[in-house]
C-alpha cells in the first residue's frame, strides 16, 4: 500500500500546485498547473517528510487523499448546569 498523499496548494493569481508527499519513499514533489515538476526532493527521512506535511502543508494546502486527520474540535464549554 502506498503512503502517498496528494495536496492541492493554492498560489497567488489562482494557480494551483499539486504536492505529492510520500514518507515511505522519502520524497516530496511539487507540480505546477500543467503537471510539470517544479521541485523534487528525494532521499528524505520519513521524519523530514512528516514534518513538512505537519508544519507546512497542513497550513497552506488542502489534502486531497491519504489519511485524513480528525477535524479540530472546539473545546467544550466547562459550564455544567448540574453543578451548583
N, C-alpha and C. Protein backbone atom coordinates (compact mmCIF):
# COMPACT_ATOMS: atom_id res chain seq x y z
N UNK A 1 0.84 -1.18 0.00
CA UNK A 1 0.00 0.00 0.00
C UNK A 1 0.88 1.24 0.00
N UNK A 2 0.53 2.17 -0.82
CA UNK A 2 1.30 3.40 -0.94
C UNK A 2 0.92 4.37 0.17
N UNK A 3 1.92 5.04 0.68
CA UNK A 3 1.68 6.05 1.71
C UNK A 3 1.74 7.44 1.09
N UNK A 4 1.41 7.53 -0.18
CA UNK A 4 1.47 8.79 -0.92
C UNK A 4 0.26 9.65 -0.59
N UNK A 5 0.52 10.93 -0.35
CA UNK A 5 -0.56 11.88 -0.10
C UNK A 5 -0.47 12.99 -1.13
N UNK A 6 -1.61 13.36 -1.70
CA UNK A 6 -1.66 14.42 -2.70
C UNK A 6 -2.32 15.63 -2.07
N UNK A 7 -1.67 16.78 -2.24
CA UNK A 7 -2.13 18.04 -1.68
C UNK A 7 -2.40 19.03 -2.79
N UNK A 8 -3.37 19.91 -2.59
CA UNK A 8 -3.66 20.99 -3.51
C UNK A 8 -3.22 22.29 -2.84
N UNK A 9 -2.29 23.01 -3.49
CA UNK A 9 -1.69 24.20 -2.90
C UNK A 9 -2.04 25.40 -3.76
N UNK A 10 -2.95 26.26 -3.26
CA UNK A 10 -3.41 27.42 -4.00
C UNK A 10 -2.35 28.52 -3.96
N UNK A 11 -2.00 29.03 -5.13
CA UNK A 11 -1.00 30.08 -5.26
C UNK A 11 -1.67 31.42 -5.55
N UNK A 12 -0.87 32.46 -5.56
CA UNK A 12 -1.39 33.78 -5.94
C UNK A 12 -1.89 33.72 -7.37
N UNK A 13 -2.81 34.58 -7.70
CA UNK A 13 -3.39 34.69 -9.03
C UNK A 13 -4.13 33.43 -9.45
N UNK A 14 -4.57 32.62 -8.48
CA UNK A 14 -5.42 31.47 -8.77
C UNK A 14 -4.73 30.22 -9.26
N UNK A 15 -3.42 30.21 -9.33
CA UNK A 15 -2.72 29.00 -9.76
C UNK A 15 -2.82 27.94 -8.66
N UNK A 16 -2.92 26.69 -9.08
CA UNK A 16 -2.99 25.59 -8.14
C UNK A 16 -1.83 24.63 -8.41
N UNK A 17 -0.99 24.44 -7.40
CA UNK A 17 0.10 23.48 -7.50
C UNK A 17 -0.34 22.18 -6.81
N UNK A 18 0.18 21.08 -7.28
CA UNK A 18 -0.08 19.78 -6.67
C UNK A 18 1.20 19.34 -5.99
N UNK A 19 1.08 18.93 -4.74
CA UNK A 19 2.23 18.45 -3.98
C UNK A 19 1.98 16.99 -3.64
N UNK A 20 2.95 16.15 -3.97
CA UNK A 20 2.84 14.72 -3.68
C UNK A 20 3.92 14.38 -2.66
N UNK A 21 3.48 13.95 -1.49
CA UNK A 21 4.43 13.60 -0.43
C UNK A 21 4.31 12.11 -0.14
N UNK A 22 5.46 11.49 0.14
CA UNK A 22 5.48 10.06 0.43
C UNK A 22 6.55 9.78 1.49
N UNK A 23 6.14 9.66 2.75
CA UNK A 23 7.11 9.40 3.81
C UNK A 23 7.85 8.07 3.65
N UNK A 24 7.18 7.05 3.09
CA UNK A 24 7.82 5.74 2.90
C UNK A 24 9.00 5.83 1.94
N UNK A 25 8.82 6.58 0.85
CA UNK A 25 9.88 6.71 -0.14
C UNK A 25 10.80 7.89 0.17
N UNK A 26 10.40 8.73 1.12
CA UNK A 26 11.22 9.89 1.47
C UNK A 26 11.25 10.93 0.37
N UNK A 27 10.08 11.21 -0.22
CA UNK A 27 10.06 12.15 -1.34
C UNK A 27 8.91 13.15 -1.23
N UNK A 28 9.18 14.34 -1.79
CA UNK A 28 8.18 15.38 -1.93
C UNK A 28 8.37 15.97 -3.33
N UNK A 29 7.27 16.09 -4.07
CA UNK A 29 7.32 16.62 -5.43
C UNK A 29 6.25 17.69 -5.58
N UNK A 30 6.63 18.81 -6.18
CA UNK A 30 5.70 19.91 -6.43
C UNK A 30 5.51 20.04 -7.94
N UNK A 31 4.24 19.99 -8.37
CA UNK A 31 3.91 20.10 -9.79
C UNK A 31 3.12 21.38 -10.02
N UNK A 32 3.36 22.05 -11.15
CA UNK A 32 2.58 23.24 -11.46
C UNK A 32 1.24 22.85 -12.07
N UNK A 33 0.47 23.85 -12.50
CA UNK A 33 -0.88 23.59 -13.02
C UNK A 33 -0.87 22.81 -14.33
N UNK A 34 0.29 22.72 -14.99
CA UNK A 34 0.41 21.97 -16.24
C UNK A 34 0.98 20.56 -16.02
N UNK A 35 1.21 20.20 -14.76
CA UNK A 35 1.74 18.88 -14.43
C UNK A 35 3.25 18.78 -14.56
N UNK A 36 3.92 19.91 -14.73
CA UNK A 36 5.38 19.93 -14.85
C UNK A 36 6.00 19.98 -13.46
N UNK A 37 7.06 19.21 -13.27
CA UNK A 37 7.72 19.17 -11.97
C UNK A 37 8.49 20.46 -11.73
N UNK A 38 8.20 21.12 -10.63
CA UNK A 38 8.92 22.33 -10.24
C UNK A 38 10.03 22.00 -9.26
N UNK A 39 9.72 21.16 -8.29
CA UNK A 39 10.69 20.76 -7.27
C UNK A 39 10.49 19.28 -6.98
N UNK A 40 11.58 18.56 -6.87
CA UNK A 40 11.52 17.16 -6.45
C UNK A 40 12.63 16.94 -5.43
N UNK A 41 12.24 16.56 -4.23
CA UNK A 41 13.20 16.25 -3.17
C UNK A 41 13.09 14.76 -2.88
N UNK A 42 14.23 14.08 -2.90
CA UNK A 42 14.25 12.65 -2.62
C UNK A 42 15.29 12.39 -1.52
N UNK A 43 15.37 11.16 -1.11
CA UNK A 43 16.30 10.73 -0.06
C UNK A 43 16.07 11.46 1.25
N UNK A 44 14.83 11.84 1.51
CA UNK A 44 14.49 12.45 2.78
C UNK A 44 14.12 11.36 3.77
N UNK A 45 14.30 11.63 5.03
CA UNK A 45 13.86 10.65 6.03
C UNK A 45 12.35 10.75 6.19
N UNK A 46 11.78 9.70 6.73
CA UNK A 46 10.34 9.68 7.00
C UNK A 46 9.98 10.88 7.88
N UNK A 47 10.79 11.14 8.86
CA UNK A 47 10.52 12.24 9.79
C UNK A 47 10.55 13.59 9.08
N UNK A 48 11.48 13.79 8.15
CA UNK A 48 11.54 15.04 7.41
C UNK A 48 10.27 15.28 6.60
N UNK A 49 9.81 14.23 5.92
CA UNK A 49 8.59 14.36 5.11
C UNK A 49 7.39 14.62 6.01
N UNK A 50 7.29 13.90 7.11
CA UNK A 50 6.17 14.11 8.03
C UNK A 50 6.19 15.51 8.63
N UNK A 51 7.37 16.05 8.90
CA UNK A 51 7.47 17.42 9.42
C UNK A 51 7.00 18.44 8.39
N UNK A 52 7.34 18.23 7.12
CA UNK A 52 6.87 19.14 6.07
C UNK A 52 5.35 19.07 5.97
N UNK A 53 4.81 17.86 6.03
CA UNK A 53 3.35 17.70 5.98
C UNK A 53 2.69 18.40 7.16
N UNK A 54 3.22 18.18 8.33
CA UNK A 54 2.61 18.71 9.55
C UNK A 54 2.77 20.23 9.67
N UNK A 55 3.97 20.72 9.45
CA UNK A 55 4.26 22.13 9.73
C UNK A 55 4.06 23.07 8.56
N UNK A 56 3.99 22.54 7.35
CA UNK A 56 3.82 23.42 6.18
C UNK A 56 2.56 23.08 5.41
N UNK A 57 2.47 21.88 4.90
CA UNK A 57 1.35 21.53 4.04
C UNK A 57 0.00 21.59 4.76
N UNK A 58 -0.06 21.19 6.01
CA UNK A 58 -1.33 21.28 6.74
C UNK A 58 -1.80 22.72 6.89
N UNK A 59 -0.87 23.68 6.80
CA UNK A 59 -1.22 25.09 6.95
C UNK A 59 -1.61 25.75 5.64
N UNK A 60 -0.96 25.37 4.54
CA UNK A 60 -1.15 26.10 3.28
C UNK A 60 -1.85 25.30 2.19
N UNK A 61 -2.04 24.01 2.40
CA UNK A 61 -2.58 23.18 1.32
C UNK A 61 -3.79 22.38 1.82
N UNK A 62 -4.52 21.85 0.86
CA UNK A 62 -5.69 21.00 1.15
C UNK A 62 -5.34 19.57 0.77
N UNK A 63 -5.55 18.66 1.69
CA UNK A 63 -5.25 17.25 1.44
C UNK A 63 -6.34 16.66 0.56
N UNK A 64 -5.95 16.08 -0.57
CA UNK A 64 -6.92 15.50 -1.49
C UNK A 64 -7.13 14.01 -1.27
N UNK A 65 -6.12 13.33 -0.74
CA UNK A 65 -6.26 11.91 -0.45
C UNK A 65 -5.35 11.55 0.71
N UNK A 66 -5.28 10.30 1.04
CA UNK A 66 -4.42 9.87 2.12
C UNK A 66 -5.19 9.81 3.42
N UNK A 67 -4.48 9.66 4.49
CA UNK A 67 -5.10 9.56 5.80
C UNK A 67 -5.47 10.95 6.28
N UNK A 68 -6.75 11.16 6.50
CA UNK A 68 -7.22 12.48 6.94
C UNK A 68 -7.16 12.57 8.45
N UNK A 69 -6.62 13.67 8.92
CA UNK A 69 -6.59 13.91 10.35
C UNK A 69 -8.01 14.24 10.81
N UNK A 70 -8.36 13.89 12.02
CA UNK A 70 -9.70 14.24 12.51
C UNK A 70 -9.85 15.75 12.57
N UNK A 71 -11.05 16.26 12.31
CA UNK A 71 -11.23 17.71 12.36
C UNK A 71 -10.97 18.24 13.77
N UNK A 72 -10.46 19.45 13.83
CA UNK A 72 -10.22 20.06 15.13
C UNK A 72 -11.56 20.36 15.79
N UNK A 73 -11.67 19.99 17.02
CA UNK A 73 -12.91 20.21 17.75
C UNK A 73 -12.72 21.38 18.69
N UNK A 74 -13.77 22.17 18.80
CA UNK A 74 -13.74 23.27 19.74
C UNK A 74 -13.84 22.69 21.15
N UNK A 75 -13.13 23.29 22.08
CA UNK A 75 -13.23 22.79 23.46
C UNK A 75 -14.66 22.95 23.96
N UNK A 76 -15.10 21.96 24.70
CA UNK A 76 -16.44 22.02 25.25
C UNK A 76 -16.49 23.09 26.33
N UNK A 77 -17.65 23.71 26.43
CA UNK A 77 -17.88 24.71 27.45
C UNK A 77 -17.80 24.01 28.81
N UNK A 78 -17.07 24.62 29.74
CA UNK A 78 -16.91 23.99 31.04
C UNK A 78 -18.16 24.16 31.91
N UNK A 79 -19.13 24.92 31.44
CA UNK A 79 -20.36 25.12 32.20
C UNK A 79 -21.15 23.82 32.28
N UNK A 80 -21.52 23.47 33.48
CA UNK A 80 -22.34 22.28 33.70
C UNK A 80 -23.52 22.72 34.55
N UNK A 81 -24.74 22.68 33.99
CA UNK A 81 -25.89 23.16 34.76
C UNK A 81 -26.23 22.30 35.96
N UNK A 82 -25.67 21.09 36.04
CA UNK A 82 -25.96 20.21 37.15
C UNK A 82 -25.07 20.49 38.36
N UNK A 83 -24.05 21.33 38.16
CA UNK A 83 -23.13 21.64 39.26
C UNK A 83 -23.48 23.02 39.81
N UNK A 84 -23.62 23.11 41.09
CA UNK A 84 -24.01 24.40 41.71
C UNK A 84 -22.81 25.25 41.97
